[in-house]
Amino acid sequence: MDDSKSIIYIVIFLVVIFGLFYFFTIRPQKKRQQEHEALKSGLQKGDRVITAGGIYGQIESINQDDVVLKIESGATMRVAKNSIAGKT
């Protein structure tokens, strides 16, 4: 009888630990990933953005996987679409 109760407590403990792990790590990461996907799909020519490397620029053109940015000096550079961290 005691063995079955201890097994139930262990199972309940494992379920609680998994639930906490899900709500504190997996769920927020999925939310951030969805926000980044929405940002990437909403990019348009003329948007001012910042890259993950800290480079500010204005979008000149957008392709499937990359973006051409015009930076302050007037030069253009091609960066991966995934490296766009946000709009400014």
PDB file of N, CA and C in Angstrom:
ATOM      1  N   MET A   1       0.819  -1.183   0.000  1.00  0.00           N
ATOM      2  CA  MET A   1       0.000   0.000   0.000  1.00  0.00           C
ATOM      3  C   MET A   1       0.869   1.256   0.000  1.00  0.00           C
ATOM      4  N   ASP A   2       1.921   1.295   0.806  1.00  0.00           N
ATOM      5  CA  ASP A   2       2.802   2.463   0.863  1.00  0.00           C
ATOM      6  C   ASP A   2       3.548   2.670  -0.450  1.00  0.00           C
ATOM      7  N   ASP A   3       3.908   1.573  -1.111  1.00  0.00           N
ATOM      8  CA  ASP A   3       4.634   1.686  -2.375  1.00  0.00           C
ATOM      9  C   ASP A   3       3.779   2.355  -3.449  1.00  0.00           C
ATOM     10  N   SER A   4       2.506   2.041  -3.487  1.00  0.00           N
ATOM     11  CA  SER A   4       1.643   2.644  -4.504  1.00  0.00           C
ATOM     12  C   SER A   4       1.440   4.135  -4.236  1.00  0.00           C
ATOM     13  N   LYS A   5       1.376   4.537  -2.972  1.00  0.00           N
ATOM     14  CA  LYS A   5       1.237   5.953  -2.645  1.00  0.00           C
ATOM     15  C   LYS A   5       2.499   6.723  -3.011  1.00  0.00           C
ATOM     16  N   SER A   6       3.659   6.138  -2.741  1.00  0.00           N
ATOM     17  CA  SER A   6       4.901   6.833  -3.056  1.00  0.00           C
ATOM     18  C   SER A   6       5.079   6.968  -4.571  1.00  0.00           C
ATOM     19  N   ILE A   7       4.635   5.988  -5.331  1.00  0.00           N
ATOM     20  CA  ILE A   7       4.717   6.073  -6.791  1.00  0.00           C
ATOM     21  C   ILE A   7       3.794   7.176  -7.296  1.00  0.00           C
ATOM     22  N   ILE A   8       2.607   7.287  -6.713  1.00  0.00           N
ATOM     23  CA  ILE A   8       1.678   8.352  -7.105  1.00  0.00           C
ATOM     24  C   ILE A   8       2.286   9.716  -6.812  1.00  0.00           C
ATOM     25  N   TYR A   9       2.909   9.872  -5.662  1.00  0.00           N
ATOM     26  CA  TYR A   9       3.548  11.148  -5.310  1.00  0.00           C
ATOM     27  C   TYR A   9       4.692  11.483  -6.275  1.00  0.00           C
ATOM     28  N   ILE A  10       5.446  10.487  -6.666  1.00  0.00           N
ATOM     29  CA  ILE A  10       6.544  10.709  -7.609  1.00  0.00           C
ATOM     30  C   ILE A  10       5.995  11.146  -8.965  1.00  0.00           C
ATOM     31  N   VAL A  11       4.935  10.492  -9.428  1.00  0.00           N
ATOM     32  CA  VAL A  11       4.319  10.853 -10.702  1.00  0.00           C
ATOM     33  C   VAL A  11       3.765  12.273 -10.636  1.00  0.00           C
ATOM     34  N   ILE A  12       3.075  12.615  -9.570  1.00  0.00           N
ATOM     35  CA  ILE A  12       2.542  13.971  -9.409  1.00  0.00           C
ATOM     36  C   ILE A  12       3.673  14.991  -9.387  1.00  0.00           C
ATOM     37  N   PHE A  13       4.747  14.690  -8.679  1.00  0.00           N
ATOM     38  CA  PHE A  13       5.900  15.590  -8.624  1.00  0.00           C
ATOM     39  C   PHE A  13       6.497  15.806 -10.018  1.00  0.00           C
ATOM     40  N   LEU A  14       6.644  14.736 -10.789  1.00  0.00           N
ATOM     41  CA  LEU A  14       7.189  14.851 -12.144  1.00  0.00           C
ATOM     42  C   LEU A  14       6.274  15.678 -13.057  1.00  0.00           C
ATOM     43  N   VAL A  15       4.973  15.500 -12.924  1.00  0.00           N
ATOM     44  CA  VAL A  15       4.020  16.269 -13.727  1.00  0.00           C
ATOM     45  C   VAL A  15       4.117  17.752 -13.374  1.00  0.00           C
ATOM     46  N   VAL A  16       4.223  18.063 -12.092  1.00  0.00           N
ATOM     47  CA  VAL A  16       4.348  19.464 -11.656  1.00  0.00           C
ATOM     48  C   VAL A  16       5.653  20.061 -12.180  1.00  0.00           C
ATOM     49  N   ILE A  17       6.747  19.331 -12.095  1.00  0.00           N
ATOM     50  CA  ILE A  17       8.032  19.825 -12.592  1.00  0.00           C
ATOM     51  C   ILE A  17       7.958  20.067 -14.100  1.00  0.00           C
ATOM     52  N   PHE A  18       7.369  19.163 -14.859  1.00  0.00           N
ATOM     53  CA  PHE A  18       7.225  19.361 -16.297  1.00  0.00           C
ATOM     54  C   PHE A  18       6.349  20.566 -16.596  1.00  0.00           C
ATOM     55  N   GLY A  19       5.264  20.734 -15.844  1.00  0.00           N
ATOM     56  CA  GLY A  19       4.391  21.895 -16.039  1.00  0.00           C
ATOM     57  C   GLY A  19       5.127  23.202 -15.803  1.00  0.00           C
ATOM     58  N   LEU A  20       5.909  23.270 -14.736  1.00  0.00           N
ATOM     59  CA  LEU A  20       6.703  24.474 -14.458  1.00  0.00           C
ATOM     60  C   LEU A  20       7.723  24.717 -15.560  1.00  0.00           C
ATOM     61  N   PHE A  21       8.391  23.667 -16.016  1.00  0.00           N
ATOM     62  CA  PHE A  21       9.366  23.782 -17.097  1.00  0.00           C
ATOM     63  C   PHE A  21       8.702  24.319 -18.358  1.00  0.00           C
ATOM     64  N   TYR A  22       7.513  23.815 -18.671  1.00  0.00           N
ATOM     65  CA  TYR A  22       6.797  24.264 -19.865  1.00  0.00           C
ATOM     66  C   TYR A  22       6.446  25.749 -19.759  1.00  0.00           C
ATOM     67  N   PHE A  23       5.868  26.168 -18.640  1.00  0.00           N
ATOM     68  CA  PHE A  23       5.403  27.550 -18.515  1.00  0.00           C
ATOM     69  C   PHE A  23       6.528  28.559 -18.359  1.00  0.00           C
ATOM     70  N   PHE A  24       7.688  28.143 -17.887  1.00  0.00           N
ATOM     71  CA  PHE A  24       8.774  29.098 -17.690  1.00  0.00           C
ATOM     72  C   PHE A  24       9.840  29.075 -18.778  1.00  0.00           C
ATOM     73  N   THR A  25       9.863  28.051 -19.623  1.00  0.00           N
ATOM     74  CA  THR A  25      10.884  28.020 -20.677  1.00  0.00           C
ATOM     75  C   THR A  25      10.301  27.817 -22.073  1.00  0.00           C
ATOM     76  N   ILE A  26       9.535  26.786 -22.279  1.00  0.00           N
ATOM     77  CA  ILE A  26       9.065  26.457 -23.624  1.00  0.00           C
ATOM     78  C   ILE A  26       8.055  27.483 -24.131  1.00  0.00           C
ATOM     79  N   ARG A  27       7.071  27.821 -23.329  1.00  0.00           N
ATOM     80  CA  ARG A  27       6.019  28.746 -23.765  1.00  0.00           C
ATOM     81  C   ARG A  27       6.549  30.135 -24.099  1.00  0.00           C
ATOM     82  N   PRO A  28       7.394  30.769 -23.252  1.00  0.00           N
ATOM     83  CA  PRO A  28       7.920  32.088 -23.620  1.00  0.00           C
ATOM     84  C   PRO A  28       8.788  32.058 -24.875  1.00  0.00           C
ATOM     85  N   GLN A  29       9.535  30.986 -25.065  1.00  0.00           N
ATOM     86  CA  GLN A  29      10.377  30.890 -26.258  1.00  0.00           C
ATOM     87  C   GLN A  29       9.518  30.785 -27.515  1.00  0.00           C
ATOM     88  N   LYS A  30       8.448  30.023 -27.465  1.00  0.00           N
ATOM     89  CA  LYS A  30       7.539  29.928 -28.612  1.00  0.00           C
ATOM     90  C   LYS A  30       6.915  31.286 -28.910  1.00  0.00           C
ATOM     91  N   LYS A  31       6.568  32.023 -27.863  1.00  0.00           N
ATOM     92  CA  LYS A  31       5.969  33.347 -28.053  1.00  0.00           C
ATOM     93  C   LYS A  31       6.955  34.296 -28.730  1.00  0.00           C
ATOM     94  N   ARG A  32       8.218  34.303 -28.277  1.00  0.00           N
ATOM     95  CA  ARG A  32       9.243  35.144 -28.899  1.00  0.00           C
ATOM     96  C   ARG A  32       9.467  34.753 -30.350  1.00  0.00           C
ATOM     97  N   GLN A  33       9.461  33.452 -30.630  1.00  0.00           N
ATOM     98  CA  GLN A  33       9.658  32.976 -31.993  1.00  0.00           C
ATOM     99  C   GLN A  33       8.505  33.422 -32.897  1.00  0.00           C
ATOM    100  N   GLN A  34       7.278  33.362 -32.403  1.00  0.00           N
ATOM    101  CA  GLN A  34       6.137  33.812 -33.186  1.00  0.00           C
ATOM    102  C   GLN A  34       6.200  35.311 -33.444  1.00  0.00           C
ATOM    103  N   GLU A  35       6.632  36.085 -32.438  1.00  0.00           N
ATOM    104  CA  GLU A  35       6.762  37.531 -32.621  1.00  0.00           C
ATOM    105  C   GLU A  35       7.818  37.852 -33.676  1.00  0.00           C
ATOM    106  N   HIS A  36       8.938  37.121 -33.669  1.00  0.00           N
ATOM    107  CA  HIS A  36       9.993  37.355 -34.646  1.00  0.00           C
ATOM    108  C   HIS A  36       9.522  36.983 -36.050  1.00  0.00           C
ATOM    109  N   GLU A  37       8.773  35.895 -36.170  1.00  0.00           N
ATOM    110  CA  GLU A  37       8.222  35.503 -37.470  1.00  0.00           C
ATOM    111  C   GLU A  37       7.256  36.574 -37.983  1.00  0.00           C
ATOM    112  N   ALA A  38       6.449  37.138 -37.094  1.00  0.00           N
ATOM    113  CA  ALA A  38       5.524  38.204 -37.494  1.00  0.00           C
ATOM    114  C   ALA A  38       6.298  39.438 -37.940  1.00  0.00           C
ATOM    115  N   LEU A  39       7.385  39.742 -37.241  1.00  0.00           N
ATOM    116  CA  LEU A  39       8.228  40.876 -37.622  1.00  0.00           C
ATOM    117  C   LEU A  39       8.806  40.652 -39.012  1.00  0.00           C
ATOM    118  N   LYS A  40       9.350  39.456 -39.267  1.00  0.00           N
ATOM    119  CA  LYS A  40       9.952  39.154 -40.570  1.00  0.00           C
ATOM    120  C   LYS A  40       8.926  39.227 -41.695  1.00  0.00           C
ATOM    121  N   SER A  41       7.736  38.710 -41.454  1.00  0.00           N
ATOM    122  CA  SER A  41       6.728  38.711 -42.513  1.00  0.00           C
ATOM    123  C   SER A  41       6.154  40.104 -42.753  1.00  0.00           C
ATOM    124  N   GLY A  42       6.267  40.995 -41.774  1.00  0.00           N
ATOM    125  CA  GLY A  42       5.724  42.337 -41.915  1.00  0.00           C
ATOM    126  C   GLY A  42       6.720  43.368 -42.414  1.00  0.00           C
ATOM    127  N   LEU A  43       7.940  42.951 -42.744  1.00  0.00           N
ATOM    128  CA  LEU A  43       8.939  43.904 -43.228  1.00  0.00           C
ATOM    129  C   LEU A  43       8.560  44.439 -44.604  1.00  0.00           C
ATOM    130  N   GLN A  44       8.779  45.750 -44.791  1.00  0.00           N
ATOM    131  CA  GLN A  44       8.471  46.383 -46.063  1.00  0.00           C
ATOM    132  C   GLN A  44       9.610  47.310 -46.456  1.00  0.00           C
ATOM    133  N   LYS A  45       9.679  47.599 -47.728  1.00  0.00           N
ATOM    134  CA  LYS A  45      10.680  48.536 -48.223  1.00  0.00           C
ATOM    135  C   LYS A  45      10.446  49.891 -47.549  1.00  0.00           C
ATOM    136  N   GLY A  46      11.536  50.501 -47.075  1.00  0.00           N
ATOM    137  CA  GLY A  46      11.449  51.793 -46.407  1.00  0.00           C
ATOM    138  C   GLY A  46      11.417  51.711 -44.891  1.00  0.00           C
ATOM    139  N   ASP A  47      11.189  50.520 -44.336  1.00  0.00           N
ATOM    140  CA  ASP A  47      11.191  50.366 -42.877  1.00  0.00           C
ATOM    141  C   ASP A  47      12.592  50.596 -42.328  1.00  0.00           C
ATOM    142  N   ARG A  48      12.669  51.262 -41.188  1.00  0.00           N
ATOM    143  CA  ARG A  48      13.942  51.425 -40.485  1.00  0.00           C
ATOM    144  C   ARG A  48      14.059  50.287 -39.477  1.00  0.00           C
ATOM    145  N   VAL A  49      15.194  49.586 -39.527  1.00  0.00           N
ATOM    146  CA  VAL A  49      15.374  48.397 -38.703  1.00  0.00           C
ATOM    147  C   VAL A  49      16.737  48.411 -38.032  1.00  0.00           C
ATOM    148  N   ILE A  50      16.890  47.511 -37.076  1.00  0.00           N
ATOM    149  CA  ILE A  50      18.186  47.258 -36.440  1.00  0.00           C
ATOM    150  C   ILE A  50      18.455  45.762 -36.549  1.00  0.00           C
ATOM    151  N   THR A  51      19.699  45.424 -36.844  1.00  0.00           N
ATOM    152  CA  THR A  51      20.073  44.011 -36.956  1.00  0.00           C
ATOM    153  C   THR A  51      20.519  43.484 -35.602  1.00  0.00           C
ATOM    154  N   ALA A  52      20.679  42.184 -35.524  1.00  0.00           N
ATOM    155  CA  ALA A  52      21.157  41.560 -34.291  1.00  0.00           C
ATOM    156  C   ALA A  52      22.568  42.023 -33.948  1.00  0.00           C
ATOM    157  N   GLY A  53      23.321  42.463 -34.956  1.00  0.00           N
ATOM    158  CA  GLY A  53      24.671  42.963 -34.726  1.00  0.00           C
ATOM    159  C   GLY A  53      24.723  44.433 -34.352  1.00  0.00           C
ATOM    160  N   GLY A  54      23.556  45.088 -34.279  1.00  0.00           N
ATOM    161  CA  GLY A  54      23.510  46.481 -33.855  1.00  0.00           C
ATOM    162  C   GLY A  54      23.623  47.484 -34.988  1.00  0.00           C
ATOM    163  N   ILE A  55      23.429  47.051 -36.214  1.00  0.00           N
ATOM    164  CA  ILE A  55      23.527  47.945 -37.365  1.00  0.00           C
ATOM    165  C   ILE A  55      22.138  48.501 -37.683  1.00  0.00           C
ATOM    166  N   TYR A  56      22.046  49.834 -37.735  1.00  0.00           N
ATOM    167  CA  TYR A  56      20.795  50.492 -38.091  1.00  0.00           C
ATOM    168  C   TYR A  56      20.773  50.730 -39.593  1.00  0.00           C
ATOM    169  N   GLY A  57      19.617  50.576 -40.200  1.00  0.00           N
ATOM    170  CA  GLY A  57      19.510  50.832 -41.622  1.00  0.00           C
ATOM    171  C   GLY A  57      18.069  50.910 -42.067  1.00  0.00           C
ATOM    172  N   GLN A  58      17.911  51.278 -43.340  1.00  0.00           N
ATOM    173  CA  GLN A  58      16.593  51.364 -43.956  1.00  0.00           C
ATOM    174  C   GLN A  58      16.525  50.311 -45.054  1.00  0.00           C
ATOM    175  N   ILE A  59      15.430  49.603 -45.126  1.00  0.00           N
ATOM    176  CA  ILE A  59      15.294  48.518 -46.086  1.00  0.00           C
ATOM    177  C   ILE A  59      15.165  49.078 -47.501  1.00  0.00           C
ATOM    178  N   GLU A  60      16.071  48.626 -48.368  1.00  0.00           N
ATOM    179  CA  GLU A  60      16.038  48.997 -49.783  1.00  0.00           C
ATOM    180  C   GLU A  60      15.288  47.963 -50.606  1.00  0.00           C
ATOM    181  N   SER A  61      15.513  46.687 -50.306  1.00  0.00           N
ATOM    182  CA  SER A  61      14.801  45.617 -51.002  1.00  0.00           C
ATOM    183  C   SER A  61      14.748  44.385 -50.112  1.00  0.00           C
ATOM    184  N   ILE A  62      13.764  43.548 -50.381  1.00  0.00           N
ATOM    185  CA  ILE A  62      13.554  42.332 -49.593  1.00  0.00           C
ATOM    186  C   ILE A  62      13.460  41.149 -50.542  1.00  0.00           C
ATOM    187  N   ASN A  63      14.204  40.097 -50.241  1.00  0.00           N
ATOM    188  CA  ASN A  63      14.117  38.837 -50.972  1.00  0.00           C
ATOM    189  C   ASN A  63      13.593  37.767 -50.024  1.00  0.00           C
ATOM    190  N   GLN A  64      13.569  36.542 -50.483  1.00  0.00           N
ATOM    191  CA  GLN A  64      13.072  35.423 -49.677  1.00  0.00           C
ATOM    192  C   GLN A  64      13.851  35.280 -48.365  1.00  0.00           C
ATOM    193  N   ASP A  65      15.189  35.274 -48.459  1.00  0.00           N
ATOM    194  CA  ASP A  65      16.011  34.992 -47.283  1.00  0.00           C
ATOM    195  C   ASP A  65      16.891  36.156 -46.836  1.00  0.00           C
ATOM    196  N   ASP A  66      16.960  37.224 -47.616  1.00  0.00           N
ATOM    197  CA  ASP A  66      17.838  38.325 -47.234  1.00  0.00           C
ATOM    198  C   ASP A  66      17.190  39.678 -47.486  1.00  0.00           C
ATOM    199  N   VAL A  67      17.833  40.702 -46.920  1.00  0.00           N
ATOM    200  CA  VAL A  67      17.351  42.075 -46.998  1.00  0.00           C
ATOM    201  C   VAL A  67      18.535  42.956 -47.349  1.00  0.00           C
ATOM    202  N   VAL A  68      18.326  43.940 -48.221  1.00  0.00           N
ATOM    203  CA  VAL A  68      19.370  44.916 -48.529  1.00  0.00           C
ATOM    204  C   VAL A  68      19.056  46.170 -47.727  1.00  0.00           C
ATOM    205  N   LEU A  69      20.019  46.567 -46.878  1.00  0.00           N
ATOM    206  CA  LEU A  69      19.861  47.741 -46.027  1.00  0.00           C
ATOM    207  C   LEU A  69      20.709  48.884 -46.539  1.00  0.00           C
ATOM    208  N   LYS A  70      20.168  50.090 -46.460  1.00  0.00           N
ATOM    209  CA  LYS A  70      20.943  51.292 -46.735  1.00  0.00           C
ATOM    210  C   LYS A  70      21.307  51.872 -45.378  1.00  0.00           C
ATOM    211  N   ILE A  71      22.616  51.973 -45.114  1.00  0.00           N
ATOM    212  CA  ILE A  71      23.061  52.479 -43.830  1.00  0.00           C
ATOM    213  C   ILE A  71      23.335  53.979 -43.922  1.00  0.00           C
ATOM    214  N   GLU A  72      23.660  54.605 -42.817  1.00  0.00           N
ATOM    215  CA  GLU A  72      23.773  56.057 -42.719  1.00  0.00           C
ATOM    216  C   GLU A  72      24.769  56.658 -43.697  1.00  0.00           C
ATOM    217  N   SER A  73      25.846  55.968 -43.968  1.00  0.00           N
ATOM    218  CA  SER A  73      26.868  56.506 -44.868  1.00  0.00           C
ATOM    219  C   SER A  73      26.410  56.491 -46.332  1.00  0.00           C
ATOM    220  N   GLY A  74      25.278  55.862 -46.604  1.00  0.00           N
ATOM    221  CA  GLY A  74      24.777  55.762 -47.969  1.00  0.00           C
ATOM    222  C   GLY A  74      25.100  54.436 -48.620  1.00  0.00           C
ATOM    223  N   ALA A  75      25.961  53.677 -48.005  1.00  0.00           N
ATOM    224  CA  ALA A  75      26.317  52.359 -48.528  1.00  0.00           C
ATOM    225  C   ALA A  75      25.172  51.386 -48.287  1.00  0.00           C
ATOM    226  N   THR A  76      25.139  50.329 -49.074  1.00  0.00           N
ATOM    227  CA  THR A  76      24.141  49.283 -48.864  1.00  0.00           C
ATOM    228  C   THR A  76      24.840  47.999 -48.456  1.00  0.00           C
ATOM    229  N   MET A  77      24.128  47.205 -47.736  1.00  0.00           N
ATOM    230  CA  MET A  77      24.664  45.908 -47.316  1.00  0.00           C
ATOM    231  C   MET A  77      23.532  44.898 -47.292  1.00  0.00           C
ATOM    232  N   ARG A  78      23.880  43.673 -47.635  1.00  0.00           N
ATOM    233  CA  ARG A  78      22.909  42.595 -47.644  1.00  0.00           C
ATOM    234  C   ARG A  78      23.059  41.802 -46.352  1.00  0.00           C
ATOM    235  N   VAL A  79      21.961  41.589 -45.648  1.00  0.00           N
ATOM    236  CA  VAL A  79      21.970  40.814 -44.407  1.00  0.00           C
ATOM    237  C   VAL A  79      20.884  39.752 -44.474  1.00  0.00           C
ATOM    238  N   ALA A  80      21.048  38.724 -43.679  1.00  0.00           N
ATOM    239  CA  ALA A  80      20.035  37.668 -43.605  1.00  0.00           C
ATOM    240  C   ALA A  80      18.769  38.219 -42.962  1.00  0.00           C
ATOM    241  N   LYS A  81      17.643  37.795 -43.461  1.00  0.00           N
ATOM    242  CA  LYS A  81      16.361  38.255 -42.928  1.00  0.00           C
ATOM    243  C   LYS A  81      16.220  37.888 -41.452  1.00  0.00           C
ATOM    244  N   ASN A  82      16.775  36.741 -41.062  1.00  0.00           N
ATOM    245  CA  ASN A  82      16.708  36.308 -39.667  1.00  0.00           C
ATOM    246  C   ASN A  82      17.498  37.205 -38.738  1.00  0.00           C
ATOM    247  N   SER A  83      18.445  37.987 -39.266  1.00  0.00           N
ATOM    248  CA  SER A  83      19.268  38.832 -38.402  1.00  0.00           C
ATOM    249  C   SER A  83      18.600  40.165 -38.064  1.00  0.00           C
ATOM    250  N   ILE A  84      17.422  40.432 -38.632  1.00  0.00           N
ATOM    251  CA  ILE A  84      16.701  41.656 -38.297  1.00  0.00           C
ATOM    252  C   ILE A  84      16.096  41.466 -36.899  1.00  0.00           C
ATOM    253  N   ALA A  85      16.544  42.324 -35.953  1.00  0.00           N
ATOM    254  CA  ALA A  85      16.106  42.183 -34.570  1.00  0.00           C
ATOM    255  C   ALA A  85      14.845  42.970 -34.262  1.00  0.00           C
ATOM    256  N   GLY A  86      14.621  44.066 -34.995  1.00  0.00           N
ATOM    257  CA  GLY A  86      13.425  44.850 -34.712  1.00  0.00           C
ATOM    258  C   GLY A  86      13.351  46.085 -35.568  1.00  0.00           C
ATOM    259  N   LYS A  87      12.214  46.758 -35.477  1.00  0.00           N
ATOM    260  CA  LYS A  87      12.028  48.022 -36.200  1.00  0.00           C
ATOM    261  C   LYS A  87      12.368  49.164 -35.256  1.00  0.00           C
ATOM    262  N   THR A  88      12.844  50.267 -35.847  1.00  0.00           N
ATOM    263  CA  THR A  88      13.141  51.443 -35.032  1.00  0.00           C
ATOM    264  C   THR A  88      12.217  52.576 -35.387  1.00  0.00           C
TER     265      THR A  88
END
